[in-house]
Every structure is written in C-alpha cells, then in structure tokens.
Amino acid sequence: MIIEIGLLMLAIPIGYLIAWMARDELVSGRKWFRALIILGVIIGGWFYLVGNNAIALTGVFISIVSFVSYWKSFDDGK
C-alpha cells in the first residue's frame, strides 16, 4: 500500500509539470480538466468497488493530475 500512496503522491508534481509545459492551453482546456476530474473519480470509485485496484488507482491518479492542472489554470501567469 505504501508504493501505491507514493505513486499517487507523484501525481502532484506531474500535474505541475504538465501545467508548466502547457501554460497556453490551460485556460482553453478548463472544461476538459473538469471532465477528466469527474471521470477519474467515477472510474476510480467504480473499479475500487469491483475489486480492480490497479484501474481504480489509475483513475485517481488522472483525477489528481487534472485537478492540479485545473487549479493552475486560474493563475495569472506569474
């Protein structure tokens, strides 16, 4: 379980990296980030209940990365 938590924690710096690399696409992609967040949570919850933890953790990872990028889309570019 420690490895899974460590991999999920890596989603935060990866989200910052994607937001930094695609600064010009953040504002126009807000609706897609929201969709990815919702879809990742649904996928994560569903597959956790079904018992497939690998896909559940993938969905949560996608949600975290998308949330960080969505959050950074509201920065004024500084």
PDB file of N, CA and C in Angstrom:
ATOM      1  N   MET A   1       0.812  -1.196   0.000  1.00  0.00           N
ATOM      2  CA  MET A   1       0.000   0.000   0.000  1.00  0.00           C
ATOM      3  C   MET A   1       0.858   1.262   0.000  1.00  0.00           C
ATOM      4  N   ILE A   2       2.055   1.173   0.566  1.00  0.00           N
ATOM      5  CA  ILE A   2       2.949   2.328   0.600  1.00  0.00           C
ATOM      6  C   ILE A   2       3.366   2.724  -0.815  1.00  0.00           C
ATOM      7  N   ILE A   3       3.600   1.753  -1.670  1.00  0.00           N
ATOM      8  CA  ILE A   3       4.005   2.049  -3.043  1.00  0.00           C
ATOM      9  C   ILE A   3       2.884   2.762  -3.782  1.00  0.00           C
ATOM     10  N   GLU A   4       1.652   2.315  -3.569  1.00  0.00           N
ATOM     11  CA  GLU A   4       0.517   2.948  -4.235  1.00  0.00           C
ATOM     12  C   GLU A   4       0.342   4.393  -3.789  1.00  0.00           C
ATOM     13  N   ILE A   5       0.490   4.647  -2.504  1.00  0.00           N
ATOM     14  CA  ILE A   5       0.376   6.015  -1.992  1.00  0.00           C
ATOM     15  C   ILE A   5       1.502   6.870  -2.541  1.00  0.00           C
ATOM     16  N   GLY A   6       2.708   6.323  -2.609  1.00  0.00           N
ATOM     17  CA  GLY A   6       3.837   7.062  -3.183  1.00  0.00           C
ATOM     18  C   GLY A   6       3.615   7.412  -4.640  1.00  0.00           C
ATOM     19  N   LEU A   7       3.067   6.475  -5.396  1.00  0.00           N
ATOM     20  CA  LEU A   7       2.780   6.758  -6.801  1.00  0.00           C
ATOM     21  C   LEU A   7       1.675   7.796  -6.952  1.00  0.00           C
ATOM     22  N   LEU A   8       0.673   7.749  -6.081  1.00  0.00           N
ATOM     23  CA  LEU A   8      -0.370   8.772  -6.132  1.00  0.00           C
ATOM     24  C   LEU A   8       0.169  10.150  -5.755  1.00  0.00           C
ATOM     25  N   MET A   9       1.139  10.188  -4.854  1.00  0.00           N
ATOM     26  CA  MET A   9       1.739  11.469  -4.479  1.00  0.00           C
ATOM     27  C   MET A   9       2.548  12.056  -5.637  1.00  0.00           C
ATOM     28  N   LEU A  10       3.045  11.212  -6.518  1.00  0.00           N
ATOM     29  CA  LEU A  10       3.764  11.699  -7.697  1.00  0.00           C
ATOM     30  C   LEU A  10       2.845  12.419  -8.676  1.00  0.00           C
ATOM     31  N   ALA A  11       1.541  12.262  -8.528  1.00  0.00           N
ATOM     32  CA  ALA A  11       0.599  12.930  -9.420  1.00  0.00           C
ATOM     33  C   ALA A  11       0.651  14.442  -9.245  1.00  0.00           C
ATOM     34  N   ILE A  12       0.977  14.918  -8.062  1.00  0.00           N
ATOM     35  CA  ILE A  12       1.007  16.367  -7.816  1.00  0.00           C
ATOM     36  C   ILE A  12       2.135  17.026  -8.592  1.00  0.00           C
ATOM     37  N   PRO A  13       3.395  16.579  -8.487  1.00  0.00           N
ATOM     38  CA  PRO A  13       4.428  17.225  -9.291  1.00  0.00           C
ATOM     39  C   PRO A  13       4.233  17.019 -10.794  1.00  0.00           C
ATOM     40  N   ILE A  14       3.656  15.893 -11.183  1.00  0.00           N
ATOM     41  CA  ILE A  14       3.400  15.674 -12.610  1.00  0.00           C
ATOM     42  C   ILE A  14       2.341  16.643 -13.106  1.00  0.00           C
ATOM     43  N   GLY A  15       1.332  16.923 -12.281  1.00  0.00           N
ATOM     44  CA  GLY A  15       0.328  17.925 -12.645  1.00  0.00           C
ATOM     45  C   GLY A  15       0.934  19.302 -12.805  1.00  0.00           C
ATOM     46  N   TYR A  16       1.850  19.665 -11.902  1.00  0.00           N
ATOM     47  CA  TYR A  16       2.549  20.954 -12.027  1.00  0.00           C
ATOM     48  C   TYR A  16       3.408  20.987 -13.291  1.00  0.00           C
ATOM     49  N   LEU A  17       4.060  19.879 -13.595  1.00  0.00           N
ATOM     50  CA  LEU A  17       4.900  19.821 -14.790  1.00  0.00           C
ATOM     51  C   LEU A  17       4.064  19.986 -16.060  1.00  0.00           C
ATOM     52  N   ILE A  18       2.948  19.304 -16.124  1.00  0.00           N
ATOM     53  CA  ILE A  18       2.075  19.440 -17.291  1.00  0.00           C
ATOM     54  C   ILE A  18       1.535  20.858 -17.389  1.00  0.00           C
ATOM     55  N   ALA A  19       1.150  21.451 -16.266  1.00  0.00           N
ATOM     56  CA  ALA A  19       0.644  22.818 -16.279  1.00  0.00           C
ATOM     57  C   ALA A  19       1.729  23.802 -16.728  1.00  0.00           C
ATOM     58  N   TRP A  20       2.959  23.549 -16.330  1.00  0.00           N
ATOM     59  CA  TRP A  20       4.054  24.440 -16.724  1.00  0.00           C
ATOM     60  C   TRP A  20       4.371  24.286 -18.209  1.00  0.00           C
ATOM     61  N   MET A  21       4.345  23.046 -18.695  1.00  0.00           N
ATOM     62  CA  MET A  21       4.690  22.805 -20.095  1.00  0.00           C
ATOM     63  C   MET A  21       3.594  23.265 -21.057  1.00  0.00           C
ATOM     64  N   ALA A  22       2.353  23.253 -20.616  1.00  0.00           N
ATOM     65  CA  ALA A  22       1.238  23.608 -21.495  1.00  0.00           C
ATOM     66  C   ALA A  22       0.504  24.833 -20.976  1.00  0.00           C
ATOM     67  N   ARG A  23       1.242  25.853 -20.575  1.00  0.00           N
ATOM     68  CA  ARG A  23       0.665  27.056 -19.987  1.00  0.00           C
ATOM     69  C   ARG A  23      -0.380  27.693 -20.895  1.00  0.00           C
ATOM     70  N   ASP A  24      -0.142  27.718 -22.203  1.00  0.00           N
ATOM     71  CA  ASP A  24      -1.058  28.383 -23.122  1.00  0.00           C
ATOM     72  C   ASP A  24      -2.348  27.600 -23.347  1.00  0.00           C
ATOM     73  N   GLU A  25      -2.381  26.333 -22.983  1.00  0.00           N
ATOM     74  CA  GLU A  25      -3.563  25.504 -23.202  1.00  0.00           C
ATOM     75  C   GLU A  25      -4.441  25.377 -21.962  1.00  0.00           C
ATOM     76  N   LEU A  26      -4.003  25.900 -20.831  1.00  0.00           N
ATOM     77  CA  LEU A  26      -4.725  25.672 -19.591  1.00  0.00           C
ATOM     78  C   LEU A  26      -6.101  26.320 -19.572  1.00  0.00           C
ATOM     79  N   VAL A  27      -6.191  27.572 -19.979  1.00  0.00           N
ATOM     80  CA  VAL A  27      -7.462  28.286 -19.893  1.00  0.00           C
ATOM     81  C   VAL A  27      -8.480  27.698 -20.860  1.00  0.00           C
ATOM     82  N   SER A  28      -8.048  27.382 -22.061  1.00  0.00           N
ATOM     83  CA  SER A  28      -8.985  26.837 -23.036  1.00  0.00           C
ATOM     84  C   SER A  28      -9.386  25.402 -22.716  1.00  0.00           C
ATOM     85  N   GLY A  29      -8.635  24.720 -21.888  1.00  0.00           N
ATOM     86  CA  GLY A  29      -8.925  23.328 -21.577  1.00  0.00           C
ATOM     87  C   GLY A  29      -9.602  23.105 -20.246  1.00  0.00           C
ATOM     88  N   ARG A  30     -10.100  24.170 -19.615  1.00  0.00           N
ATOM     89  CA  ARG A  30     -10.711  24.015 -18.292  1.00  0.00           C
ATOM     90  C   ARG A  30     -11.877  23.034 -18.297  1.00  0.00           C
ATOM     91  N   LYS A  31     -12.723  23.102 -19.320  1.00  0.00           N
ATOM     92  CA  LYS A  31     -13.881  22.192 -19.332  1.00  0.00           C
ATOM     93  C   LYS A  31     -13.429  20.742 -19.453  1.00  0.00           C
ATOM     94  N   TRP A  32     -12.317  20.506 -20.144  1.00  0.00           N
ATOM     95  CA  TRP A  32     -11.802  19.144 -20.281  1.00  0.00           C
ATOM     96  C   TRP A  32     -11.155  18.666 -18.996  1.00  0.00           C
ATOM     97  N   PHE A  33     -10.515  19.586 -18.263  1.00  0.00           N
ATOM     98  CA  PHE A  33      -9.956  19.208 -16.966  1.00  0.00           C
ATOM     99  C   PHE A  33     -11.064  18.814 -16.005  1.00  0.00           C
ATOM    100  N   ARG A  34     -12.167  19.588 -16.006  1.00  0.00           N
ATOM    101  CA  ARG A  34     -13.299  19.227 -15.149  1.00  0.00           C
ATOM    102  C   ARG A  34     -13.842  17.855 -15.525  1.00  0.00           C
ATOM    103  N   ALA A  35     -13.956  17.605 -16.823  1.00  0.00           N
ATOM    104  CA  ALA A  35     -14.458  16.305 -17.279  1.00  0.00           C
ATOM    105  C   ALA A  35     -13.523  15.176 -16.853  1.00  0.00           C
ATOM    106  N   LEU A  36     -12.214  15.396 -16.964  1.00  0.00           N
ATOM    107  CA  LEU A  36     -11.252  14.367 -16.546  1.00  0.00           C
ATOM    108  C   LEU A  36     -11.299  14.116 -15.045  1.00  0.00           C
ATOM    109  N   ILE A  37     -11.489  15.175 -14.265  1.00  0.00           N
ATOM    110  CA  ILE A  37     -11.587  15.012 -12.812  1.00  0.00           C
ATOM    111  C   ILE A  37     -12.790  14.149 -12.463  1.00  0.00           C
ATOM    112  N   ILE A  38     -13.935  14.495 -13.024  1.00  0.00           N
ATOM    113  CA  ILE A  38     -15.162  13.748 -12.725  1.00  0.00           C
ATOM    114  C   ILE A  38     -15.050  12.308 -13.216  1.00  0.00           C
ATOM    115  N   LEU A  39     -14.570  12.132 -14.429  1.00  0.00           N
ATOM    116  CA  LEU A  39     -14.437  10.790 -14.995  1.00  0.00           C
ATOM    117  C   LEU A  39     -13.443   9.942 -14.203  1.00  0.00           C
ATOM    118  N   GLY A  40     -12.336  10.540 -13.781  1.00  0.00           N
ATOM    119  CA  GLY A  40     -11.351   9.806 -12.995  1.00  0.00           C
ATOM    120  C   GLY A  40     -11.889   9.366 -11.647  1.00  0.00           C
ATOM    121  N   VAL A  41     -12.683  10.221 -11.015  1.00  0.00           N
ATOM    122  CA  VAL A  41     -13.278   9.857  -9.723  1.00  0.00           C
ATOM    123  C   VAL A  41     -14.296   8.729  -9.913  1.00  0.00           C
ATOM    124  N   ILE A  42     -15.114   8.832 -10.969  1.00  0.00           N
ATOM    125  CA  ILE A  42     -16.103   7.785 -11.225  1.00  0.00           C
ATOM    126  C   ILE A  42     -15.412   6.454 -11.529  1.00  0.00           C
ATOM    127  N   ILE A  43     -14.413   6.492 -12.394  1.00  0.00           N
ATOM    128  CA  ILE A  43     -13.680   5.270 -12.728  1.00  0.00           C
ATOM    129  C   ILE A  43     -12.990   4.697 -11.494  1.00  0.00           C
ATOM    130  N   GLY A  44     -12.354   5.578 -10.722  1.00  0.00           N
ATOM    131  CA  GLY A  44     -11.671   5.112  -9.518  1.00  0.00           C
ATOM    132  C   GLY A  44     -12.619   4.473  -8.520  1.00  0.00           C
ATOM    133  N   GLY A  45     -13.756   5.113  -8.299  1.00  0.00           N
ATOM    134  CA  GLY A  45     -14.727   4.562  -7.359  1.00  0.00           C
ATOM    135  C   GLY A  45     -15.329   3.262  -7.834  1.00  0.00           C
ATOM    136  N   TRP A  46     -15.684   3.217  -9.106  1.00  0.00           N
ATOM    137  CA  TRP A  46     -16.312   2.005  -9.647  1.00  0.00           C
ATOM    138  C   TRP A  46     -15.364   0.802  -9.587  1.00  0.00           C
ATOM    139  N   PHE A  47     -14.160   0.985 -10.076  1.00  0.00           N
ATOM    140  CA  PHE A  47     -13.244  -0.146 -10.111  1.00  0.00           C
ATOM    141  C   PHE A  47     -12.728  -0.518  -8.728  1.00  0.00           C
ATOM    142  N   TYR A  48     -12.746   0.424  -7.786  1.00  0.00           N
ATOM    143  CA  TYR A  48     -12.412   0.056  -6.406  1.00  0.00           C
ATOM    144  C   TYR A  48     -13.498  -0.843  -5.826  1.00  0.00           C
ATOM    145  N   LEU A  49     -14.768  -0.503  -6.110  1.00  0.00           N
ATOM    146  CA  LEU A  49     -15.867  -1.328  -5.624  1.00  0.00           C
ATOM    147  C   LEU A  49     -15.893  -2.702  -6.287  1.00  0.00           C
ATOM    148  N   VAL A  50     -15.509  -2.758  -7.561  1.00  0.00           N
ATOM    149  CA  VAL A  50     -15.477  -4.031  -8.279  1.00  0.00           C
ATOM    150  C   VAL A  50     -14.312  -4.893  -7.815  1.00  0.00           C
ATOM    151  N   GLY A  51     -13.241  -4.258  -7.354  1.00  0.00           N
ATOM    152  CA  GLY A  51     -12.100  -5.007  -6.846  1.00  0.00           C
ATOM    153  C   GLY A  51     -10.859  -4.926  -7.708  1.00  0.00           C
ATOM    154  N   ASN A  52     -10.886  -4.117  -8.754  1.00  0.00           N
ATOM    155  CA  ASN A  52      -9.723  -3.959  -9.618  1.00  0.00           C
ATOM    156  C   ASN A  52      -8.976  -2.695  -9.189  1.00  0.00           C
ATOM    157  N   ASN A  53      -8.059  -2.859  -8.247  1.00  0.00           N
ATOM    158  CA  ASN A  53      -7.389  -1.711  -7.638  1.00  0.00           C
ATOM    159  C   ASN A  53      -6.447  -0.989  -8.578  1.00  0.00           C
ATOM    160  N   ALA A  54      -5.866  -1.687  -9.538  1.00  0.00           N
ATOM    161  CA  ALA A  54      -4.922  -1.041 -10.455  1.00  0.00           C
ATOM    162  C   ALA A  54      -5.633   0.019 -11.299  1.00  0.00           C
ATOM    163  N   ILE A  55      -6.788  -0.313 -11.831  1.00  0.00           N
ATOM    164  CA  ILE A  55      -7.528   0.660 -12.636  1.00  0.00           C
ATOM    165  C   ILE A  55      -8.098   1.753 -11.741  1.00  0.00           C
ATOM    166  N   ALA A  56      -8.492   1.417 -10.524  1.00  0.00           N
ATOM    167  CA  ALA A  56      -9.001   2.412  -9.587  1.00  0.00           C
ATOM    168  C   ALA A  56      -7.927   3.450  -9.265  1.00  0.00           C
ATOM    169  N   LEU A  57      -6.711   2.990  -9.013  1.00  0.00           N
ATOM    170  CA  LEU A  57      -5.627   3.924  -8.718  1.00  0.00           C
ATOM    171  C   LEU A  57      -5.263   4.765  -9.938  1.00  0.00           C
ATOM    172  N   THR A  58      -5.394   4.198 -11.118  1.00  0.00           N
ATOM    173  CA  THR A  58      -5.160   4.964 -12.344  1.00  0.00           C
ATOM    174  C   THR A  58      -6.175   6.083 -12.473  1.00  0.00           C
ATOM    175  N   GLY A  59      -7.435   5.798 -12.189  1.00  0.00           N
ATOM    176  CA  GLY A  59      -8.464   6.831 -12.240  1.00  0.00           C
ATOM    177  C   GLY A  59      -8.217   7.931 -11.231  1.00  0.00           C
ATOM    178  N   VAL A  60      -7.806   7.575 -10.032  1.00  0.00           N
ATOM    179  CA  VAL A  60      -7.500   8.582  -9.010  1.00  0.00           C
ATOM    180  C   VAL A  60      -6.277   9.401  -9.427  1.00  0.00           C
ATOM    181  N   PHE A  61      -5.278   8.759 -10.003  1.00  0.00           N
ATOM    182  CA  PHE A  61      -4.091   9.463 -10.483  1.00  0.00           C
ATOM    183  C   PHE A  61      -4.472  10.498 -11.543  1.00  0.00           C
ATOM    184  N   ILE A  62      -5.323  10.100 -12.487  1.00  0.00           N
ATOM    185  CA  ILE A  62      -5.782  11.023 -13.531  1.00  0.00           C
ATOM    186  C   ILE A  62      -6.540  12.183 -12.907  1.00  0.00           C
ATOM    187  N   SER A  63      -7.351  11.910 -11.908  1.00  0.00           N
ATOM    188  CA  SER A  63      -8.101  12.968 -11.236  1.00  0.00           C
ATOM    189  C   SER A  63      -7.175  13.967 -10.550  1.00  0.00           C
ATOM    190  N   ILE A  64      -6.154  13.484  -9.880  1.00  0.00           N
ATOM    191  CA  ILE A  64      -5.227  14.377  -9.175  1.00  0.00           C
ATOM    192  C   ILE A  64      -4.456  15.234 -10.160  1.00  0.00           C
ATOM    193  N   VAL A  65      -3.922  14.631 -11.219  1.00  0.00           N
ATOM    194  CA  VAL A  65      -3.168  15.392 -12.225  1.00  0.00           C
ATOM    195  C   VAL A  65      -4.067  16.439 -12.871  1.00  0.00           C
ATOM    196  N   SER A  66      -5.289  16.066 -13.196  1.00  0.00           N
ATOM    197  CA  SER A  66      -6.212  17.001 -13.827  1.00  0.00           C
ATOM    198  C   SER A  66      -6.600  18.114 -12.873  1.00  0.00           C
ATOM    199  N   PHE A  67      -6.777  17.793 -11.585  1.00  0.00           N
ATOM    200  CA  PHE A  67      -7.132  18.824 -10.619  1.00  0.00           C
ATOM    201  C   PHE A  67      -6.020  19.841 -10.452  1.00  0.00           C
ATOM    202  N   VAL A  68      -4.786  19.381 -10.398  1.00  0.00           N
ATOM    203  CA  VAL A  68      -3.655  20.309 -10.261  1.00  0.00           C
ATOM    204  C   VAL A  68      -3.567  21.211 -11.490  1.00  0.00           C
ATOM    205  N   SER A  69      -3.725  20.653 -12.673  1.00  0.00           N
ATOM    206  CA  SER A  69      -3.679  21.461 -13.887  1.00  0.00           C
ATOM    207  C   SER A  69      -4.860  22.428 -13.944  1.00  0.00           C
ATOM    208  N   TYR A  70      -6.036  21.979 -13.523  1.00  0.00           N
ATOM    209  CA  TYR A  70      -7.213  22.851 -13.479  1.00  0.00           C
ATOM    210  C   TYR A  70      -6.994  24.002 -12.512  1.00  0.00           C
ATOM    211  N   TRP A  71      -6.426  23.701 -11.362  1.00  0.00           N
ATOM    212  CA  TRP A  71      -6.165  24.710 -10.343  1.00  0.00           C
ATOM    213  C   TRP A  71      -5.142  25.733 -10.855  1.00  0.00           C
ATOM    214  N   LYS A  72      -4.124  25.263 -11.554  1.00  0.00           N
ATOM    215  CA  LYS A  72      -3.102  26.166 -12.086  1.00  0.00           C
ATOM    216  C   LYS A  72      -3.628  26.999 -13.256  1.00  0.00           C
ATOM    217  N   SER A  73      -4.738  26.623 -13.854  1.00  0.00           N
ATOM    218  CA  SER A  73      -5.289  27.395 -14.963  1.00  0.00           C
ATOM    219  C   SER A  73      -5.844  28.730 -14.504  1.00  0.00           C
ATOM    220  N   PHE A  74      -6.073  28.899 -13.208  1.00  0.00           N
ATOM    221  CA  PHE A  74      -6.587  30.153 -12.687  1.00  0.00           C
ATOM    222  C   PHE A  74      -5.481  31.114 -12.264  1.00  0.00           C
ATOM    223  N   ASP A  75      -4.210  30.687 -12.324  1.00  0.00           N
ATOM    224  CA  ASP A  75      -3.092  31.588 -12.038  1.00  0.00           C
ATOM    225  C   ASP A  75      -2.996  32.631 -13.133  1.00  0.00           C
ATOM    226  N   ASP A  76      -2.479  33.790 -12.790  1.00  0.00           N
ATOM    227  CA  ASP A  76      -2.387  34.879 -13.768  1.00  0.00           C
ATOM    228  C   ASP A  76      -1.114  34.849 -14.592  1.00  0.00           C
ATOM    229  N   GLY A  77      -0.368  33.755 -14.537  1.00  0.00           N
ATOM    230  CA  GLY A  77       0.821  33.618 -15.380  1.00  0.00           C
ATOM    231  C   GLY A  77       2.115  33.977 -14.703  1.00  0.00           C
ATOM    232  N   LYS A  78       2.094  34.228 -13.417  1.00  0.00           N
ATOM    233  CA  LYS A  78       3.317  34.570 -12.702  1.00  0.00           C
ATOM    234  C   LYS A  78       4.061  33.335 -12.277  1.00  0.00           C
TER     235      LYS A  78
END
